[in-house]
């Protein structure tokens, strides 16, 4: 009987360690996701700025070979 109890205690200890590791991994992934979201927002803003800048630079100018 005592052997079964020790085996169960060992299994519970192993599960506790596994849960702690999973919690650490989950926490690390959440931090990485937050950082990636921040970077995506930053890049989306830069793309928006570039589009606006490109739209401002595009003029309705006839091509050079056009002689009006």
Protein backbone atom coordinates (compact mmCIF):
# COMPACT_ATOMS: atom_id res chain seq x y z
CA UNK A 1 0.00 0.00 0.00
CA UNK A 2 2.78 2.43 0.89
CA UNK A 3 4.45 1.77 -2.46
CA UNK A 4 1.25 2.83 -4.25
CA UNK A 5 1.07 6.02 -2.19
CA UNK A 6 4.70 6.86 -2.99
CA UNK A 7 4.06 6.19 -6.66
CA UNK A 8 1.02 8.48 -6.61
CA UNK A 9 2.99 11.19 -4.79
CA UNK A 10 5.71 10.94 -7.43
CA UNK A 11 3.13 11.26 -10.19
CA UNK A 12 1.58 14.30 -8.52
CA UNK A 13 5.02 15.90 -8.16
CA UNK A 14 5.73 15.22 -11.84
CA UNK A 15 2.41 16.78 -12.82
CA UNK A 16 3.15 19.82 -10.66
CA UNK A 17 6.50 20.31 -12.43
CA UNK A 18 4.83 19.85 -15.80
CA UNK A 19 2.20 22.44 -14.95
CA UNK A 20 4.86 24.90 -13.79
CA UNK A 21 6.79 24.44 -17.05
CA UNK A 22 3.62 24.87 -19.10
CA UNK A 23 2.78 28.01 -17.16
CA UNK A 24 6.24 29.44 -17.84
CA UNK A 25 5.95 28.65 -21.55
CA UNK A 26 2.49 30.18 -21.69
CA UNK A 27 3.70 33.32 -19.93
CA UNK A 28 6.68 33.64 -22.30
CA UNK A 29 4.42 33.18 -25.31
CA UNK A 30 2.02 35.83 -24.06
CA UNK A 31 4.88 38.30 -23.70
CA UNK A 32 6.06 37.46 -27.22
CA UNK A 33 2.53 37.86 -28.62
CA UNK A 34 2.22 41.25 -26.94
CA UNK A 35 5.53 42.37 -28.44
CA UNK A 36 4.55 41.10 -31.88
CA UNK A 37 1.22 42.95 -31.68
CA UNK A 38 3.09 46.14 -30.79
CA UNK A 39 5.42 45.65 -33.76
CA UNK A 40 2.52 44.98 -36.14
CA UNK A 41 0.81 48.21 -35.03
CA UNK A 42 4.04 50.11 -35.55
CA UNK A 43 4.57 48.63 -39.01
CA UNK A 44 0.94 49.22 -40.00
CA UNK A 45 1.38 52.88 -39.06
CA UNK A 46 4.52 53.14 -41.15
CA UNK A 47 2.80 51.51 -44.13
CA UNK A 48 -0.09 53.97 -43.77
CA UNK A 49 2.38 56.88 -43.70
CA UNK A 50 4.19 55.56 -46.78
CA UNK A 51 0.91 55.19 -48.68
CA UNK A 52 -0.11 58.72 -47.79
CA UNK A 53 3.30 60.02 -48.78
CA UNK A 54 3.19 58.10 -52.07
CA UNK A 55 -0.33 59.40 -52.79
CA UNK A 56 0.87 62.96 -52.24
CA UNK A 57 3.83 62.45 -54.58
CA UNK A 58 1.75 60.99 -57.40
CA UNK A 59 0.67 63.83 -59.63
CA UNK A 60 -1.54 63.80 -62.66
CA UNK A 61 1.34 64.57 -65.00
CA UNK A 62 1.14 63.48 -68.62
CA UNK A 63 3.87 61.13 -69.81
CA UNK A 64 6.93 62.75 -71.43
CA UNK A 65 5.96 61.62 -74.94
CA UNK A 66 2.56 63.33 -74.69
CA UNK A 67 2.53 66.60 -76.62
CA UNK A 68 -0.75 67.91 -75.38
